Amino acid sequence: FENRANFTQHLTKLSKTVSSRCAQLSSIATVASGPKPSAMRTFFKGYAESPILYGSATFASKATKTAMHKAEVSQRLGVRSITGVLPSTDVISQHLEANVL
């Protein structure tokens, strides 16, 4: 890889993709008789989180802090869709509640 590569554009696009997919999952979760958290976790891991995890070992060390922050925010949106916790809930607590670490 080129030393100047920082994957900012790539992570920005991935963050938008993951946020869109998390919004779709959130709409499923808000139905009165929606899926159980375990099913939502499976949906999240397979559909929403997979774009960021795929190749993350490559870009994680070279990405800028801002780009990585965008990816983390997108992931937290999905974690909240699994559990239904408020955005003000501590990040670690959200991940523990969703069983996503």
C-alpha atoms as a PDB file:
ATOM      1  CA  PHE A   1       0.000   0.000   0.000  1.00  0.00           C
ATOM      2  CA  GLU A   2       0.979   3.544  -0.540  1.00  0.00           C
ATOM      3  CA  ASN A   3       2.077   5.217   2.691  1.00  0.00           C
ATOM      4  CA  ARG A   4      -0.120   8.249   2.030  1.00  0.00           C
ATOM      5  CA  ALA A   5      -3.331   6.226   1.756  1.00  0.00           C
ATOM      6  CA  ASN A   6      -5.685   7.044   4.611  1.00  0.00           C
ATOM      7  CA  PHE A   7      -8.912   5.395   3.385  1.00  0.00           C
ATOM      8  CA  THR A   8     -10.997   8.481   4.285  1.00  0.00           C
ATOM      9  CA  GLN A   9     -13.204   8.317   1.192  1.00  0.00           C
ATOM     10  CA  HIS A  10     -13.635   4.581   1.551  1.00  0.00           C
ATOM     11  CA  LEU A  11     -14.647   4.800   5.214  1.00  0.00           C
ATOM     12  CA  THR A  12     -16.995   7.709   4.521  1.00  0.00           C
ATOM     13  CA  LYS A  13     -18.790   5.635   1.893  1.00  0.00           C
ATOM     14  CA  LEU A  14     -18.860   2.601   4.191  1.00  0.00           C
ATOM     15  CA  SER A  15     -20.261   4.688   7.039  1.00  0.00           C
ATOM     16  CA  LYS A  16     -23.095   5.911   4.831  1.00  0.00           C
ATOM     17  CA  THR A  17     -23.834   2.356   3.725  1.00  0.00           C
ATOM     18  CA  VAL A  18     -23.852   1.040   7.294  1.00  0.00           C
ATOM     19  CA  SER A  19     -25.991   3.948   8.541  1.00  0.00           C
ATOM     20  CA  SER A  20     -28.519   3.287   5.789  1.00  0.00           C
ATOM     21  CA  ARG A  21     -28.634  -0.404   6.623  1.00  0.00           C
ATOM     22  CA  CYS A  22     -29.000   0.370  10.346  1.00  0.00           C
ATOM     23  CA  ALA A  23     -31.922   2.686   9.567  1.00  0.00           C
ATOM     24  CA  GLN A  24     -33.577  -0.183   7.718  1.00  0.00           C
ATOM     25  CA  LEU A  25     -33.016  -2.462  10.699  1.00  0.00           C
ATOM     26  CA  SER A  26     -34.412   0.193  13.039  1.00  0.00           C
ATOM     27  CA  SER A  27     -37.614   0.333  11.020  1.00  0.00           C
ATOM     28  CA  ILE A  28     -37.992  -3.427  11.432  1.00  0.00           C
ATOM     29  CA  ALA A  29     -37.327  -3.195  15.166  1.00  0.00           C
ATOM     30  CA  THR A  30     -39.983  -0.533  15.771  1.00  0.00           C
ATOM     31  CA  VAL A  31     -42.831  -2.762  14.644  1.00  0.00           C
ATOM     32  CA  ALA A  32     -44.946  -3.679  17.687  1.00  0.00           C
ATOM     33  CA  SER A  33     -44.294  -7.384  17.269  1.00  0.00           C
ATOM     34  CA  GLY A  34     -40.787  -6.942  15.923  1.00  0.00           C
ATOM     35  CA  PRO A  35     -38.002  -9.484  16.066  1.00  0.00           C
ATOM     36  CA  LYS A  36     -36.287 -10.489  19.274  1.00  0.00           C
ATOM     37  CA  PRO A  37     -32.927  -8.890  20.152  1.00  0.00           C
ATOM     38  CA  SER A  38     -31.129 -12.114  19.234  1.00  0.00           C
ATOM     39  CA  ALA A  39     -32.616 -11.987  15.724  1.00  0.00           C
ATOM     40  CA  MET A  40     -31.784  -8.287  15.437  1.00  0.00           C
ATOM     41  CA  ARG A  41     -28.200  -9.036  16.471  1.00  0.00           C
ATOM     42  CA  THR A  42     -27.963 -11.642  13.710  1.00  0.00           C
ATOM     43  CA  PHE A  43     -29.431  -9.201  11.167  1.00  0.00           C
ATOM     44  CA  PHE A  44     -27.027  -6.495  12.312  1.00  0.00           C
ATOM     45  CA  LYS A  45     -23.911  -8.658  12.161  1.00  0.00           C
ATOM     46  CA  GLY A  46     -24.771 -10.167   8.793  1.00  0.00           C
ATOM     47  CA  TYR A  47     -26.267  -7.175   7.006  1.00  0.00           C
ATOM     48  CA  ALA A  48     -25.136  -3.911   8.576  1.00  0.00           C
ATOM     49  CA  GLU A  49     -21.808  -4.564  10.272  1.00  0.00           C
ATOM     50  CA  SER A  50     -20.252  -6.808   7.628  1.00  0.00           C
ATOM     51  CA  PRO A  51     -19.225  -3.991   5.210  1.00  0.00           C
ATOM     52  CA  ILE A  52     -17.054  -2.360   7.863  1.00  0.00           C
ATOM     53  CA  LEU A  53     -15.604  -5.600   9.209  1.00  0.00           C
ATOM     54  CA  TYR A  54     -14.650  -6.752   5.727  1.00  0.00           C
ATOM     55  CA  GLY A  55     -11.196  -5.300   5.171  1.00  0.00           C
ATOM     56  CA  SER A  56     -11.029  -3.522   8.529  1.00  0.00           C
ATOM     57  CA  ALA A  57      -7.639  -5.051   9.284  1.00  0.00           C
ATOM     58  CA  THR A  58      -6.294  -3.298   6.216  1.00  0.00           C
ATOM     59  CA  PHE A  59      -7.629   0.204   6.720  1.00  0.00           C
ATOM     60  CA  ALA A  60      -7.808   0.437  10.516  1.00  0.00           C
ATOM     61  CA  SER A  61      -4.125   1.207  10.941  1.00  0.00           C
ATOM     62  CA  LYS A  62      -4.018   3.807   8.142  1.00  0.00           C
ATOM     63  CA  ALA A  63      -7.386   5.549   8.543  1.00  0.00           C
ATOM     64  CA  THR A  64      -7.683   9.015  10.030  1.00  0.00           C
ATOM     65  CA  LYS A  65      -9.302   9.422  13.431  1.00  0.00           C
ATOM     66  CA  THR A  66     -12.219  11.290  11.863  1.00  0.00           C
ATOM     67  CA  ALA A  67     -12.904   8.507   9.381  1.00  0.00           C
ATOM     68  CA  MET A  68     -12.722   5.839  12.072  1.00  0.00           C
ATOM     69  CA  HIS A  69     -15.049   7.902  14.264  1.00  0.00           C
ATOM     70  CA  LYS A  70     -17.641   7.951  11.451  1.00  0.00           C
ATOM     71  CA  ALA A  71     -17.456   4.169  11.219  1.00  0.00           C
ATOM     72  CA  GLU A  72     -17.832   3.813  14.995  1.00  0.00           C
ATOM     73  CA  VAL A  73     -20.869   6.114  15.033  1.00  0.00           C
ATOM     74  CA  SER A  74     -22.485   4.012  12.311  1.00  0.00           C
ATOM     75  CA  GLN A  75     -21.857   0.864  14.294  1.00  0.00           C
ATOM     76  CA  ARG A  76     -23.345   2.398  17.447  1.00  0.00           C
ATOM     77  CA  LEU A  77     -26.498   3.240  15.486  1.00  0.00           C
ATOM     78  CA  GLY A  78     -26.873  -0.455  14.719  1.00  0.00           C
ATOM     79  CA  VAL A  79     -26.183  -1.466  18.302  1.00  0.00           C
ATOM     80  CA  ARG A  80     -28.946   0.890  19.446  1.00  0.00           C
ATOM     81  CA  SER A  81     -31.333  -0.654  16.906  1.00  0.00           C
ATOM     82  CA  ILE A  82     -30.697  -4.078  18.465  1.00  0.00           C
ATOM     83  CA  THR A  83     -31.412  -3.028  22.033  1.00  0.00           C
ATOM     84  CA  GLY A  84     -33.533   0.090  21.756  1.00  0.00           C
ATOM     85  CA  VAL A  85     -31.380   1.967  24.287  1.00  0.00           C
ATOM     86  CA  LEU A  86     -31.153   5.749  24.265  1.00  0.00           C
ATOM     87  CA  PRO A  87     -28.253   7.459  22.449  1.00  0.00           C
ATOM     88  CA  SER A  88     -27.106   8.896  25.780  1.00  0.00           C
ATOM     89  CA  THR A  89     -26.393   5.387  27.108  1.00  0.00           C
ATOM     90  CA  ASP A  90     -22.716   4.677  27.666  1.00  0.00           C
ATOM     91  CA  VAL A  91     -21.083   3.103  24.569  1.00  0.00           C
ATOM     92  CA  ILE A  92     -19.639   0.131  26.436  1.00  0.00           C
ATOM     93  CA  SER A  93     -23.000  -0.545  28.085  1.00  0.00           C
ATOM     94  CA  GLN A  94     -24.679  -0.457  24.665  1.00  0.00           C
ATOM     95  CA  HIS A  95     -22.255  -3.043  23.311  1.00  0.00           C
ATOM     96  CA  LEU A  96     -22.606  -5.275  26.365  1.00  0.00           C
ATOM     97  CA  GLU A  97     -26.407  -5.086  26.232  1.00  0.00           C
ATOM     98  CA  ALA A  98     -26.394  -5.966  22.524  1.00  0.00           C
ATOM     99  CA  ASN A  99     -23.737  -8.659  23.058  1.00  0.00           C
ATOM    100  CA  VAL A 100     -21.640  -7.060  20.317  1.00  0.00           C
ATOM    101  CA  LEU A 101     -18.026  -6.384  21.213  1.00  0.00           C
END
